């Protein structure tokens, strides 16, 4: 079973993602901020990370950079999932494998996760 680390500071969205990805057959780990994400990665390396870009304590750009350096996560796909459309064209998000604009329809996010996991299976 593949493990998804969801880094989301909005409690309701985090629970929705957890429910949806569990329904798809994934093991889900939740983190509420960047520091917690690093702690969770230290406990268990996920197969993929989905992260909001703006979070308290540590933003996702720092989380991605730190996780790739500390845990050698260069082969782990990372999706930035954000409500801020401006970030989709921001060069800083190029460190992730994909940048998805949040939607109430999670099809694009789930399909991108499947696609990226398929490449690394």
C-alpha atoms as a PDB file:
ATOM      1  CA  UNK A   1       0.000   0.000   0.000  1.00  0.00           C
ATOM      2  CA  UNK A   2       1.417   3.385  -1.044  1.00  0.00           C
ATOM      3  CA  UNK A   3       1.712   6.093   1.599  1.00  0.00           C
ATOM      4  CA  UNK A   4       0.644   9.682   0.960  1.00  0.00           C
ATOM      5  CA  UNK A   5       1.862  12.491   3.218  1.00  0.00           C
ATOM      6  CA  UNK A   6      -0.687  15.316   3.119  1.00  0.00           C
ATOM      7  CA  UNK A   7       0.617  18.614   4.488  1.00  0.00           C
ATOM      8  CA  UNK A   8      -2.395  20.876   4.978  1.00  0.00           C
ATOM      9  CA  UNK A   9      -3.046  23.430   7.706  1.00  0.00           C
ATOM     10  CA  UNK A  10      -6.803  23.601   7.084  1.00  0.00           C
ATOM     11  CA  UNK A  11      -8.288  20.870   9.281  1.00  0.00           C
ATOM     12  CA  UNK A  12     -11.382  20.271   7.132  1.00  0.00           C
ATOM     13  CA  UNK A  13      -9.416  20.024   3.905  1.00  0.00           C
ATOM     14  CA  UNK A  14      -6.880  17.705   5.542  1.00  0.00           C
ATOM     15  CA  UNK A  15      -9.681  15.391   6.678  1.00  0.00           C
ATOM     16  CA  UNK A  16     -11.268  15.460   3.205  1.00  0.00           C
ATOM     17  CA  UNK A  17      -7.946  14.533   1.561  1.00  0.00           C
ATOM     18  CA  UNK A  18      -7.381  11.812   4.138  1.00  0.00           C
ATOM     19  CA  UNK A  19     -10.815  10.319   3.489  1.00  0.00           C
ATOM     20  CA  UNK A  20     -10.526  10.532  -0.307  1.00  0.00           C
ATOM     21  CA  UNK A  21      -7.044   9.011  -0.498  1.00  0.00           C
ATOM     22  CA  UNK A  22      -7.913   6.248   1.977  1.00  0.00           C
ATOM     23  CA  UNK A  23     -10.942   5.445  -0.189  1.00  0.00           C
ATOM     24  CA  UNK A  24      -8.530   5.140  -3.148  1.00  0.00           C
ATOM     25  CA  UNK A  25      -6.492   2.577  -1.172  1.00  0.00           C
ATOM     26  CA  UNK A  26      -3.638   4.695   0.156  1.00  0.00           C
ATOM     27  CA  UNK A  27      -2.194   4.893   3.640  1.00  0.00           C
ATOM     28  CA  UNK A  28      -2.432   8.580   4.639  1.00  0.00           C
ATOM     29  CA  UNK A  29      -0.242  10.566   7.012  1.00  0.00           C
ATOM     30  CA  UNK A  30      -1.372  14.093   7.929  1.00  0.00           C
ATOM     31  CA  UNK A  31       0.798  17.036   8.919  1.00  0.00           C
ATOM     32  CA  UNK A  32      -0.560  20.474   9.870  1.00  0.00           C
ATOM     33  CA  UNK A  33       2.547  22.543   9.134  1.00  0.00           C
ATOM     34  CA  UNK A  34       6.024  22.313   7.680  1.00  0.00           C
ATOM     35  CA  UNK A  35       7.795  21.361  10.870  1.00  0.00           C
ATOM     36  CA  UNK A  36       5.309  18.556  11.516  1.00  0.00           C
ATOM     37  CA  UNK A  37       5.818  17.374   7.922  1.00  0.00           C
ATOM     38  CA  UNK A  38       9.577  17.030   8.514  1.00  0.00           C
ATOM     39  CA  UNK A  39       8.873  15.106  11.743  1.00  0.00           C
ATOM     40  CA  UNK A  40       6.466  12.768   9.925  1.00  0.00           C
ATOM     41  CA  UNK A  41       8.996  12.150   7.130  1.00  0.00           C
ATOM     42  CA  UNK A  42      11.621  11.340   9.759  1.00  0.00           C
ATOM     43  CA  UNK A  43       9.251   8.692  11.179  1.00  0.00           C
ATOM     44  CA  UNK A  44       8.209   7.216   7.806  1.00  0.00           C
ATOM     45  CA  UNK A  45       9.287   8.085   4.273  1.00  0.00           C
ATOM     46  CA  UNK A  46       6.123   8.526   2.182  1.00  0.00           C
ATOM     47  CA  UNK A  47       5.709   7.390  -1.411  1.00  0.00           C
ATOM     48  CA  UNK A  48       4.366  10.833  -2.361  1.00  0.00           C
ATOM     49  CA  UNK A  49       3.885  14.189  -0.631  1.00  0.00           C
ATOM     50  CA  UNK A  50       1.008  16.576  -1.289  1.00  0.00           C
ATOM     51  CA  UNK A  51       1.506  19.962   0.304  1.00  0.00           C
ATOM     52  CA  UNK A  52      -0.126  23.367   0.530  1.00  0.00           C
ATOM     53  CA  UNK A  53       2.351  26.100  -0.357  1.00  0.00           C
ATOM     54  CA  UNK A  54       1.570  28.597   2.413  1.00  0.00           C
ATOM     55  CA  UNK A  55       1.625  27.155   5.907  1.00  0.00           C
ATOM     56  CA  UNK A  56       2.447  28.304   9.388  1.00  0.00           C
ATOM     57  CA  UNK A  57       5.918  27.672  10.816  1.00  0.00           C
ATOM     58  CA  UNK A  58       7.530  26.546   7.530  1.00  0.00           C
ATOM     59  CA  UNK A  59       6.242  26.920   3.957  1.00  0.00           C
ATOM     60  CA  UNK A  60       6.271  24.043   1.513  1.00  0.00           C
ATOM     61  CA  UNK A  61       9.258  25.337  -0.462  1.00  0.00           C
ATOM     62  CA  UNK A  62      11.394  25.021   2.691  1.00  0.00           C
ATOM     63  CA  UNK A  63       9.814  21.641   3.498  1.00  0.00           C
ATOM     64  CA  UNK A  64      10.603  20.312   0.029  1.00  0.00           C
ATOM     65  CA  UNK A  65      14.180  21.592   0.096  1.00  0.00           C
ATOM     66  CA  UNK A  66      14.759  20.300   3.616  1.00  0.00           C
ATOM     67  CA  UNK A  67      13.218  16.898   2.978  1.00  0.00           C
ATOM     68  CA  UNK A  68      15.239  16.406  -0.182  1.00  0.00           C
ATOM     69  CA  UNK A  69      18.477  17.293   1.619  1.00  0.00           C
ATOM     70  CA  UNK A  70      17.850  15.550   4.957  1.00  0.00           C
ATOM     71  CA  UNK A  71      16.024  12.453   3.752  1.00  0.00           C
ATOM     72  CA  UNK A  72      17.210  12.228   0.136  1.00  0.00           C
ATOM     73  CA  UNK A  73      13.636  12.487  -1.159  1.00  0.00           C
ATOM     74  CA  UNK A  74      14.633  13.429  -4.694  1.00  0.00           C
ATOM     75  CA  UNK A  75      12.858  10.326  -6.020  1.00  0.00           C
ATOM     76  CA  UNK A  76       9.665  10.954  -4.042  1.00  0.00           C
ATOM     77  CA  UNK A  77       7.036  12.802  -6.109  1.00  0.00           C
ATOM     78  CA  UNK A  78       5.815  16.057  -4.611  1.00  0.00           C
ATOM     79  CA  UNK A  79       2.617  17.870  -5.524  1.00  0.00           C
ATOM     80  CA  UNK A  80       2.015  21.447  -4.437  1.00  0.00           C
ATOM     81  CA  UNK A  81      -1.726  21.786  -3.940  1.00  0.00           C
ATOM     82  CA  UNK A  82      -2.674  25.423  -3.497  1.00  0.00           C
ATOM     83  CA  UNK A  83      -5.599  27.808  -3.682  1.00  0.00           C
ATOM     84  CA  UNK A  84      -3.252  30.513  -4.995  1.00  0.00           C
ATOM     85  CA  UNK A  85      -3.271  30.323  -8.792  1.00  0.00           C
ATOM     86  CA  UNK A  86      -0.321  32.728  -9.015  1.00  0.00           C
ATOM     87  CA  UNK A  87       1.980  29.994  -7.745  1.00  0.00           C
ATOM     88  CA  UNK A  88       1.306  27.735 -10.721  1.00  0.00           C
ATOM     89  CA  UNK A  89       3.598  29.908 -12.862  1.00  0.00           C
ATOM     90  CA  UNK A  90       6.023  30.801 -10.066  1.00  0.00           C
ATOM     91  CA  UNK A  91       9.512  29.427 -10.710  1.00  0.00           C
ATOM     92  CA  UNK A  92       9.838  28.415  -7.028  1.00  0.00           C
ATOM     93  CA  UNK A  93       7.188  25.721  -7.506  1.00  0.00           C
ATOM     94  CA  UNK A  94       9.354  24.051 -10.147  1.00  0.00           C
ATOM     95  CA  UNK A  95      11.044  22.096  -7.358  1.00  0.00           C
ATOM     96  CA  UNK A  96       7.833  20.078  -7.111  1.00  0.00           C
ATOM     97  CA  UNK A  97       6.740  17.511  -9.669  1.00  0.00           C
ATOM     98  CA  UNK A  98       3.360  19.207 -10.101  1.00  0.00           C
ATOM     99  CA  UNK A  99       1.396  22.225  -8.952  1.00  0.00           C
ATOM    100  CA  UNK A 100      -2.379  21.762  -8.733  1.00  0.00           C
ATOM    101  CA  UNK A 101      -4.931  24.491  -8.025  1.00  0.00           C
ATOM    102  CA  UNK A 102      -7.267  23.418  -5.223  1.00  0.00           C
ATOM    103  CA  UNK A 103     -10.782  22.486  -6.219  1.00  0.00           C
ATOM    104  CA  UNK A 104     -13.795  20.903  -4.569  1.00  0.00           C
ATOM    105  CA  UNK A 105     -13.407  18.215  -7.248  1.00  0.00           C
ATOM    106  CA  UNK A 106     -10.320  16.216  -6.239  1.00  0.00           C
ATOM    107  CA  UNK A 107     -10.116  14.308  -9.531  1.00  0.00           C
ATOM    108  CA  UNK A 108      -7.149  16.283 -10.885  1.00  0.00           C
ATOM    109  CA  UNK A 109      -5.203  15.897  -7.634  1.00  0.00           C
ATOM    110  CA  UNK A 110      -5.915  12.170  -7.349  1.00  0.00           C
ATOM    111  CA  UNK A 111      -5.136  11.552 -11.025  1.00  0.00           C
ATOM    112  CA  UNK A 112      -1.841  13.424 -10.779  1.00  0.00           C
ATOM    113  CA  UNK A 113      -0.893  11.424  -7.668  1.00  0.00           C
ATOM    114  CA  UNK A 114      -1.669   8.153  -9.496  1.00  0.00           C
ATOM    115  CA  UNK A 115       0.323   9.292 -12.516  1.00  0.00           C
ATOM    116  CA  UNK A 116       3.364  10.282 -10.455  1.00  0.00           C
ATOM    117  CA  UNK A 117       3.236   7.111  -8.372  1.00  0.00           C
ATOM    118  CA  UNK A 118       2.989   5.056 -11.547  1.00  0.00           C
ATOM    119  CA  UNK A 119       6.270   6.522 -12.739  1.00  0.00           C
ATOM    120  CA  UNK A 120       7.944   5.534  -9.455  1.00  0.00           C
ATOM    121  CA  UNK A 121       6.312   2.147  -8.923  1.00  0.00           C
END
